Amino acid sequence: MITTVVFDLDDTLYDEIDYCKSGFSAVSEYLSDSQPGVASEQIFEAFWRQFNTGNRAKVFNTALEELQIPYDERFIRELVRIYREHLPKITLPGDSEQILQILSAQYSLALLTDGFLPGQKLKVQALKIEKFFKCIVYTEELGRQHWKPSPVGFEKILTTLKKKAENVVYIADNEKKDFIGPNKLGLKTIQLLRNKRIHTATSDDEIARANIRISDICEIPAILLKI
């Protein structure tokens, strides 16, 4: 019997692309203030163009070159800091909020998320979801070596909540990293395929695949009853 549901955050409870837009907007406003004659809208459009071409690692570098704004690595690090530390303008989708309300009345809920602090904590704060969870694990606090696919974050949740792996379900989106750890520990796994998800790559490794795939978060309560 399932007693506990563990959620991933990005592209599971909300669309991560909304966070990306919020971050690029924050950096655009910062740059516009320091670069007379360059509008924040123009800077944002350059960032967004690079992001949508798949240039996820060097968005700032290539966009600044396009805009003819001089930079060095220290300047790039400052832009990255602003992106990660801005208070994101994101909201929890109505269906996610409804499901969290329903499930929190029936199961113990936990949240496990990778990513740089304080960015992940600021996302949780902006989405106003902390109240739903009995345990929140930010894997960055465990050490970057314990980001997924490491099982350490899941082990911490099992220990904290005093739960057995066979009674726990993990719901996430990214087949390349999300399900390896919980599958090895014996948790049940569900992959939620949101329409706007950023990470769409698949894996040939059986241990990386979720037990169940769904496309609508509202399917979760019925599925939990069947597991």
C-alpha atoms as a PDB file:
ATOM      1  CA  MET A   1       0.000   0.000   0.000  1.00  0.00           C
ATOM      2  CA  ILE A   2       1.258   3.457  -0.874  1.00  0.00           C
ATOM      3  CA  THR A   3       1.605   5.741   2.152  1.00  0.00           C
ATOM      4  CA  THR A   4       3.983   8.392   0.823  1.00  0.00           C
ATOM      5  CA  VAL A   5       4.280  10.435  -2.358  1.00  0.00           C
ATOM      6  CA  VAL A   6       7.524  12.222  -3.201  1.00  0.00           C
ATOM      7  CA  PHE A   7       7.464  14.947  -5.854  1.00  0.00           C
ATOM      8  CA  ASP A   8      10.171  16.443  -8.004  1.00  0.00           C
ATOM      9  CA  LEU A   9       9.812  20.207  -8.444  1.00  0.00           C
ATOM     10  CA  ASP A  10      10.897  21.568 -11.830  1.00  0.00           C
ATOM     11  CA  ASP A  11       8.684  20.517 -14.742  1.00  0.00           C
ATOM     12  CA  THR A  12       6.671  18.339 -12.381  1.00  0.00           C
ATOM     13  CA  LEU A  13       4.679  20.718 -10.187  1.00  0.00           C
ATOM     14  CA  TYR A  14       5.028  23.689 -12.536  1.00  0.00           C
ATOM     15  CA  ASP A  15       6.537  24.494 -15.953  1.00  0.00           C
ATOM     16  CA  GLU A  16      10.251  25.180 -15.511  1.00  0.00           C
ATOM     17  CA  ILE A  17      10.249  27.298 -18.663  1.00  0.00           C
ATOM     18  CA  ASP A  18       8.328  29.931 -16.660  1.00  0.00           C
ATOM     19  CA  TYR A  19      11.238  30.105 -14.223  1.00  0.00           C
ATOM     20  CA  CYS A  20      13.696  30.496 -17.093  1.00  0.00           C
ATOM     21  CA  LYS A  21      11.690  33.410 -18.468  1.00  0.00           C
ATOM     22  CA  SER A  22      11.567  35.001 -15.036  1.00  0.00           C
ATOM     23  CA  GLY A  23      15.326  34.637 -14.597  1.00  0.00           C
ATOM     24  CA  PHE A  24      16.153  36.055 -18.014  1.00  0.00           C
ATOM     25  CA  SER A  25      13.808  38.958 -17.329  1.00  0.00           C
ATOM     26  CA  ALA A  26      15.593  39.732 -14.042  1.00  0.00           C
ATOM     27  CA  VAL A  27      19.001  39.685 -15.738  1.00  0.00           C
ATOM     28  CA  SER A  28      17.682  41.787 -18.639  1.00  0.00           C
ATOM     29  CA  GLU A  29      16.484  44.484 -16.261  1.00  0.00           C
ATOM     30  CA  TYR A  30      19.837  44.502 -14.480  1.00  0.00           C
ATOM     31  CA  LEU A  31      21.739  44.829 -17.741  1.00  0.00           C
ATOM     32  CA  SER A  32      19.440  47.524 -19.097  1.00  0.00           C
ATOM     33  CA  ASP A  33      20.133  49.668 -16.034  1.00  0.00           C
ATOM     34  CA  SER A  34      23.886  49.415 -16.623  1.00  0.00           C
ATOM     35  CA  GLN A  35      23.833  49.636 -20.432  1.00  0.00           C
ATOM     36  CA  PRO A  36      22.323  52.958 -21.580  1.00  0.00           C
ATOM     37  CA  GLY A  37      20.518  52.676 -24.877  1.00  0.00           C
ATOM     38  CA  VAL A  38      19.826  48.945 -24.653  1.00  0.00           C
ATOM     39  CA  ALA A  39      16.240  48.160 -23.672  1.00  0.00           C
ATOM     40  CA  SER A  40      15.511  45.278 -21.334  1.00  0.00           C
ATOM     41  CA  GLU A  41      13.082  43.877 -23.928  1.00  0.00           C
ATOM     42  CA  GLN A  42      15.871  43.740 -26.510  1.00  0.00           C
ATOM     43  CA  ILE A  43      18.169  41.956 -24.078  1.00  0.00           C
ATOM     44  CA  PHE A  44      15.469  39.473 -23.085  1.00  0.00           C
ATOM     45  CA  GLU A  45      14.747  38.664 -26.726  1.00  0.00           C
ATOM     46  CA  ALA A  46      18.455  37.925 -27.292  1.00  0.00           C
ATOM     47  CA  PHE A  47      18.531  35.615 -24.263  1.00  0.00           C
ATOM     48  CA  TRP A  48      15.352  33.866 -25.327  1.00  0.00           C
ATOM     49  CA  ARG A  49      16.586  33.355 -28.874  1.00  0.00           C
ATOM     50  CA  GLN A  50      19.725  31.655 -27.620  1.00  0.00           C
ATOM     51  CA  PHE A  51      17.796  29.517 -25.150  1.00  0.00           C
ATOM     52  CA  ASN A  52      15.367  28.318 -27.804  1.00  0.00           C
ATOM     53  CA  THR A  53      18.170  27.308 -30.169  1.00  0.00           C
ATOM     54  CA  GLY A  54      19.333  24.859 -27.519  1.00  0.00           C
ATOM     55  CA  ASN A  55      22.285  26.953 -26.369  1.00  0.00           C
ATOM     56  CA  ARG A  56      21.528  26.392 -22.693  1.00  0.00           C
ATOM     57  CA  ALA A  57      25.122  26.542 -21.359  1.00  0.00           C
ATOM     58  CA  LYS A  58      26.267  29.791 -22.995  1.00  0.00           C
ATOM     59  CA  VAL A  59      23.096  31.887 -23.235  1.00  0.00           C
ATOM     60  CA  PHE A  60      24.621  34.952 -21.607  1.00  0.00           C
ATOM     61  CA  ASN A  61      27.919  34.809 -23.513  1.00  0.00           C
ATOM     62  CA  THR A  62      26.410  34.501 -26.970  1.00  0.00           C
ATOM     63  CA  ALA A  63      23.592  36.968 -26.319  1.00  0.00           C
ATOM     64  CA  LEU A  64      26.028  39.612 -25.064  1.00  0.00           C
ATOM     65  CA  GLU A  65      28.161  39.090 -28.160  1.00  0.00           C
ATOM     66  CA  GLU A  66      25.076  39.540 -30.332  1.00  0.00           C
ATOM     67  CA  LEU A  67      24.202  42.741 -28.455  1.00  0.00           C
ATOM     68  CA  GLN A  68      27.825  43.920 -28.629  1.00  0.00           C
ATOM     69  CA  ILE A  69      28.007  44.282 -24.869  1.00  0.00           C
ATOM     70  CA  PRO A  70      31.548  43.619 -23.596  1.00  0.00           C
ATOM     71  CA  TYR A  71      31.992  41.025 -20.860  1.00  0.00           C
ATOM     72  CA  ASP A  72      34.489  38.854 -19.065  1.00  0.00           C
ATOM     73  CA  GLU A  73      34.038  35.680 -17.020  1.00  0.00           C
ATOM     74  CA  ARG A  74      33.557  37.640 -13.804  1.00  0.00           C
ATOM     75  CA  PHE A  75      30.712  39.560 -15.426  1.00  0.00           C
ATOM     76  CA  ILE A  76      29.097  36.310 -16.606  1.00  0.00           C
ATOM     77  CA  ARG A  77      29.333  34.879 -13.086  1.00  0.00           C
ATOM     78  CA  GLU A  78      27.510  37.947 -11.789  1.00  0.00           C
ATOM     79  CA  LEU A  79      24.702  37.470 -14.311  1.00  0.00           C
ATOM     80  CA  VAL A  80      24.423  33.819 -13.314  1.00  0.00           C
ATOM     81  CA  ARG A  81      24.208  34.858  -9.661  1.00  0.00           C
ATOM     82  CA  ILE A  82      21.403  37.298 -10.430  1.00  0.00           C
ATOM     83  CA  TYR A  83      19.550  34.600 -12.375  1.00  0.00           C
ATOM     84  CA  ARG A  84      19.847  32.054  -9.555  1.00  0.00           C
ATOM     85  CA  GLU A  85      19.108  34.450  -6.713  1.00  0.00           C
ATOM     86  CA  HIS A  86      16.208  36.420  -8.156  1.00  0.00           C
ATOM     87  CA  LEU A  87      12.754  36.031  -6.625  1.00  0.00           C
ATOM     88  CA  PRO A  88      10.998  34.181  -9.419  1.00  0.00           C
ATOM     89  CA  LYS A  89       7.713  35.320 -10.878  1.00  0.00           C
ATOM     90  CA  ILE A  90       6.128  31.891 -11.071  1.00  0.00           C
ATOM     91  CA  THR A  91       2.812  30.536  -9.840  1.00  0.00           C
ATOM     92  CA  LEU A  92       1.570  27.067  -9.012  1.00  0.00           C
ATOM     93  CA  PRO A  93      -0.818  25.784 -11.708  1.00  0.00           C
ATOM     94  CA  GLY A  94      -4.353  25.217 -10.495  1.00  0.00           C
ATOM     95  CA  ASP A  95      -4.301  21.492 -11.226  1.00  0.00           C
ATOM     96  CA  SER A  96      -1.071  21.030  -9.262  1.00  0.00           C
ATOM     97  CA  GLU A  97      -2.484  22.886  -6.273  1.00  0.00           C
ATOM     98  CA  GLN A  98      -5.642  20.800  -6.384  1.00  0.00           C
ATOM     99  CA  ILE A  99      -3.693  17.543  -6.493  1.00  0.00           C
ATOM    100  CA  LEU A 100      -1.410  18.590  -3.635  1.00  0.00           C
ATOM    101  CA  GLN A 101      -4.456  19.440  -1.531  1.00  0.00           C
ATOM    102  CA  ILE A 102      -6.095  16.102  -2.288  1.00  0.00           C
ATOM    103  CA  LEU A 103      -2.989  13.993  -1.745  1.00  0.00           C
ATOM    104  CA  SER A 104      -1.808  15.790   1.403  1.00  0.00           C
ATOM    105  CA  ALA A 105      -5.053  14.740   3.087  1.00  0.00           C
ATOM    106  CA  GLN A 106      -4.444  11.072   2.258  1.00  0.00           C
ATOM    107  CA  TYR A 107      -0.668  10.562   2.087  1.00  0.00           C
ATOM    108  CA  SER A 108       2.556  11.845   3.554  1.00  0.00           C
ATOM    109  CA  LEU A 109       4.055  14.174   0.943  1.00  0.00           C
ATOM    110  CA  ALA A 110       7.727  14.987   0.409  1.00  0.00           C
ATOM    111  CA  LEU A 111       9.648  17.073  -2.093  1.00  0.00           C
ATOM    112  CA  LEU A 112      13.090  16.264  -3.502  1.00  0.00           C
ATOM    113  CA  THR A 113      14.759  18.675  -5.880  1.00  0.00           C
ATOM    114  CA  ASP A 114      18.154  19.214  -7.455  1.00  0.00           C
ATOM    115  CA  GLY A 115      19.573  22.611  -8.275  1.00  0.00           C
ATOM    116  CA  PHE A 116      21.575  25.501  -6.916  1.00  0.00           C
ATOM    117  CA  LEU A 117      20.619  27.221  -3.686  1.00  0.00           C
ATOM    118  CA  PRO A 118      19.063  29.595  -2.968  1.00  0.00           C
ATOM    119  CA  GLY A 119      17.301  29.297  -6.330  1.00  0.00           C
ATOM    120  CA  GLN A 120      15.389  26.126  -5.444  1.00  0.00           C
ATOM    121  CA  LYS A 121      14.276  27.516  -2.097  1.00  0.00           C
ATOM    122  CA  LEU A 122      13.115  30.713  -3.771  1.00  0.00           C
ATOM    123  CA  LYS A 123      11.046  28.655  -6.214  1.00  0.00           C
ATOM    124  CA  VAL A 124       9.334  26.845  -3.336  1.00  0.00           C
ATOM    125  CA  GLN A 125       8.726  30.186  -1.646  1.00  0.00           C
ATOM    126  CA  ALA A 126       7.247  31.733  -4.807  1.00  0.00           C
ATOM    127  CA  LEU A 127       5.007  28.730  -5.476  1.00  0.00           C
ATOM    128  CA  LYS A 128       3.805  28.711  -1.827  1.00  0.00           C
ATOM    129  CA  ILE A 129       3.951  24.918  -1.575  1.00  0.00           C
ATOM    130  CA  GLU A 130       6.009  24.308   1.556  1.00  0.00           C
ATOM    131  CA  LYS A 131       2.830  23.776   3.591  1.00  0.00           C
ATOM    132  CA  PHE A 132       2.001  20.613   1.668  1.00  0.00           C
ATOM    133  CA  PHE A 133       5.180  18.690   2.507  1.00  0.00           C
ATOM    134  CA  LYS A 134       6.291  16.895   5.650  1.00  0.00           C
ATOM    135  CA  CYS A 135       9.827  16.739   4.309  1.00  0.00           C
ATOM    136  CA  ILE A 136      11.717  18.797   1.718  1.00  0.00           C
ATOM    137  CA  VAL A 137      15.151  17.677   0.538  1.00  0.00           C
ATOM    138  CA  TYR A 138      17.324  20.079  -1.431  1.00  0.00           C
ATOM    139  CA  THR A 139      20.058  17.787  -2.713  1.00  0.00           C
ATOM    140  CA  GLU A 140      22.469  20.735  -2.946  1.00  0.00           C
ATOM    141  CA  GLU A 141      22.475  20.763   0.858  1.00  0.00           C
ATOM    142  CA  LEU A 142      23.662  17.143   0.874  1.00  0.00           C
ATOM    143  CA  GLY A 143      26.554  17.952  -1.470  1.00  0.00           C
ATOM    144  CA  ARG A 144      26.565  18.262  -5.223  1.00  0.00           C
ATOM    145  CA  GLN A 145      27.778  14.664  -5.518  1.00  0.00           C
ATOM    146  CA  HIS A 146      24.352  13.684  -4.161  1.00  0.00           C
ATOM    147  CA  TRP A 147      22.329  15.352  -6.888  1.00  0.00           C
ATOM    148  CA  LYS A 148      20.224  12.877  -8.847  1.00  0.00           C
ATOM    149  CA  PRO A 149      20.808  10.168  -9.981  1.00  0.00           C
ATOM    150  CA  SER A 150      22.280   9.625  -6.499  1.00  0.00           C
ATOM    151  CA  PRO A 151      19.911   7.726  -4.172  1.00  0.00           C
ATOM    152  CA  VAL A 152      21.088   9.653  -1.075  1.00  0.00           C
ATOM    153  CA  GLY A 153      18.280  12.230  -1.130  1.00  0.00           C
ATOM    154  CA  PHE A 154      15.682   9.479  -1.312  1.00  0.00           C
ATOM    155  CA  GLU A 155      17.348   7.602   1.524  1.00  0.00           C
ATOM    156  CA  LYS A 156      17.136  10.760   3.628  1.00  0.00           C
ATOM    157  CA  ILE A 157      13.400  11.024   2.986  1.00  0.00           C
ATOM    158  CA  LEU A 158      12.835   7.361   3.900  1.00  0.00           C
ATOM    159  CA  THR A 159      14.787   7.811   7.131  1.00  0.00           C
ATOM    160  CA  THR A 160      13.186  11.129   8.068  1.00  0.00           C
ATOM    161  CA  LEU A 161       9.630   9.940   7.481  1.00  0.00           C
ATOM    162  CA  LYS A 162      10.339   6.383   8.712  1.00  0.00           C
ATOM    163  CA  LYS A 163       8.923   4.839   5.544  1.00  0.00           C
ATOM    164  CA  LYS A 164       9.704   1.666   3.626  1.00  0.00           C
ATOM    165  CA  ALA A 165      10.685   2.045  -0.029  1.00  0.00           C
ATOM    166  CA  GLU A 166       7.909  -0.259  -1.261  1.00  0.00           C
ATOM    167  CA  ASN A 167       5.309   2.099   0.217  1.00  0.00           C
ATOM    168  CA  VAL A 168       6.653   5.207  -1.516  1.00  0.00           C
ATOM    169  CA  VAL A 169       6.046   6.672  -4.994  1.00  0.00           C
ATOM    170  CA  TYR A 170       8.308   9.222  -6.697  1.00  0.00           C
ATOM    171  CA  ILE A 171       6.841  11.507  -9.373  1.00  0.00           C
ATOM    172  CA  ALA A 172       9.194  13.403 -11.688  1.00  0.00           C
ATOM    173  CA  ASP A 173       9.865  14.268 -15.338  1.00  0.00           C
ATOM    174  CA  ASN A 174      13.463  13.641 -16.448  1.00  0.00           C
ATOM    175  CA  GLU A 175      14.183  10.105 -17.641  1.00  0.00           C
ATOM    176  CA  LYS A 176      17.923  10.756 -17.874  1.00  0.00           C
ATOM    177  CA  LYS A 177      18.401  11.211 -14.112  1.00  0.00           C
ATOM    178  CA  ASP A 178      15.237  11.256 -12.007  1.00  0.00           C
ATOM    179  CA  PHE A 179      14.314   7.593 -11.680  1.00  0.00           C
ATOM    180  CA  ILE A 180      17.646   5.783 -11.379  1.00  0.00           C
ATOM    181  CA  GLY A 181      18.046   6.362  -7.644  1.00  0.00           C
ATOM    182  CA  PRO A 182      14.479   5.569  -6.556  1.00  0.00           C
ATOM    183  CA  ASN A 183      14.276   2.549  -8.874  1.00  0.00           C
ATOM    184  CA  LYS A 184      17.423   1.097  -7.289  1.00  0.00           C
ATOM    185  CA  LEU A 185      15.955   1.599  -3.825  1.00  0.00           C
ATOM    186  CA  GLY A 186      12.671  -0.058  -4.720  1.00  0.00           C
ATOM    187  CA  LEU A 187      10.365   2.959  -4.828  1.00  0.00           C
ATOM    188  CA  LYS A 188       7.539   3.022  -7.341  1.00  0.00           C
ATOM    189  CA  THR A 189       8.138   5.670 -10.000  1.00  0.00           C
ATOM    190  CA  ILE A 190       5.847   7.772 -12.189  1.00  0.00           C
ATOM    191  CA  GLN A 191       7.022   9.993 -15.048  1.00  0.00           C
ATOM    192  CA  LEU A 192       4.858  13.065 -15.637  1.00  0.00           C
ATOM    193  CA  LEU A 193       5.196  14.345 -19.201  1.00  0.00           C
ATOM    194  CA  ARG A 194       4.125  17.986 -19.109  1.00  0.00           C
ATOM    195  CA  ASN A 195       3.508  19.618 -22.498  1.00  0.00           C
ATOM    196  CA  LYS A 196       6.074  22.401 -21.973  1.00  0.00           C
ATOM    197  CA  ARG A 197       8.770  20.288 -20.310  1.00  0.00           C
ATOM    198  CA  ILE A 198      12.370  21.239 -21.060  1.00  0.00           C
ATOM    199  CA  HIS A 199      14.043  17.839 -20.686  1.00  0.00           C
ATOM    200  CA  THR A 200      12.708  15.424 -23.280  1.00  0.00           C
ATOM    201  CA  ALA A 201      15.680  13.059 -23.731  1.00  0.00           C
ATOM    202  CA  THR A 202      15.089   9.358 -23.125  1.00  0.00           C
ATOM    203  CA  SER A 203      17.385   6.618 -21.854  1.00  0.00           C
ATOM    204  CA  ASP A 204      18.202   3.152 -23.161  1.00  0.00           C
ATOM    205  CA  ASP A 205      18.907   1.971 -19.616  1.00  0.00           C
ATOM    206  CA  GLU A 206      15.993   0.095 -18.080  1.00  0.00           C
ATOM    207  CA  ILE A 207      16.841   1.328 -14.555  1.00  0.00           C
ATOM    208  CA  ALA A 208      16.339   4.922 -15.743  1.00  0.00           C
ATOM    209  CA  ARG A 209      12.739   4.400 -16.825  1.00  0.00           C
ATOM    210  CA  ALA A 210       9.740   5.071 -14.640  1.00  0.00           C
ATOM    211  CA  ASN A 211       7.288   2.272 -13.878  1.00  0.00           C
ATOM    212  CA  ILE A 212       4.387   4.363 -15.151  1.00  0.00           C
ATOM    213  CA  ARG A 213       4.066   7.314 -17.544  1.00  0.00           C
ATOM    214  CA  ILE A 214       1.299   9.907 -17.436  1.00  0.00           C
ATOM    215  CA  SER A 215       0.599  13.187 -19.224  1.00  0.00           C
ATOM    216  CA  ASP A 216      -1.766  14.807 -16.728  1.00  0.00           C
ATOM    217  CA  ILE A 217      -1.054  15.411 -13.043  1.00  0.00           C
ATOM    218  CA  CYS A 218      -4.752  14.838 -12.333  1.00  0.00           C
ATOM    219  CA  GLU A 219      -4.251  11.138 -13.134  1.00  0.00           C
ATOM    220  CA  ILE A 220      -2.159  10.620 -10.005  1.00  0.00           C
ATOM    221  CA  PRO A 221      -4.851   9.931  -7.318  1.00  0.00           C
ATOM    222  CA  ALA A 222      -6.449   7.121  -9.332  1.00  0.00           C
ATOM    223  CA  ILE A 223      -3.084   5.565 -10.187  1.00  0.00           C
ATOM    224  CA  LEU A 224      -1.976   5.544  -6.546  1.00  0.00           C
ATOM    225  CA  LEU A 225      -5.044   3.526  -5.628  1.00  0.00           C
ATOM    226  CA  LYS A 226      -4.127   0.889  -8.229  1.00  0.00           C
ATOM    227  CA  ILE A 227      -0.479   0.453  -7.256  1.00  0.00           C
END
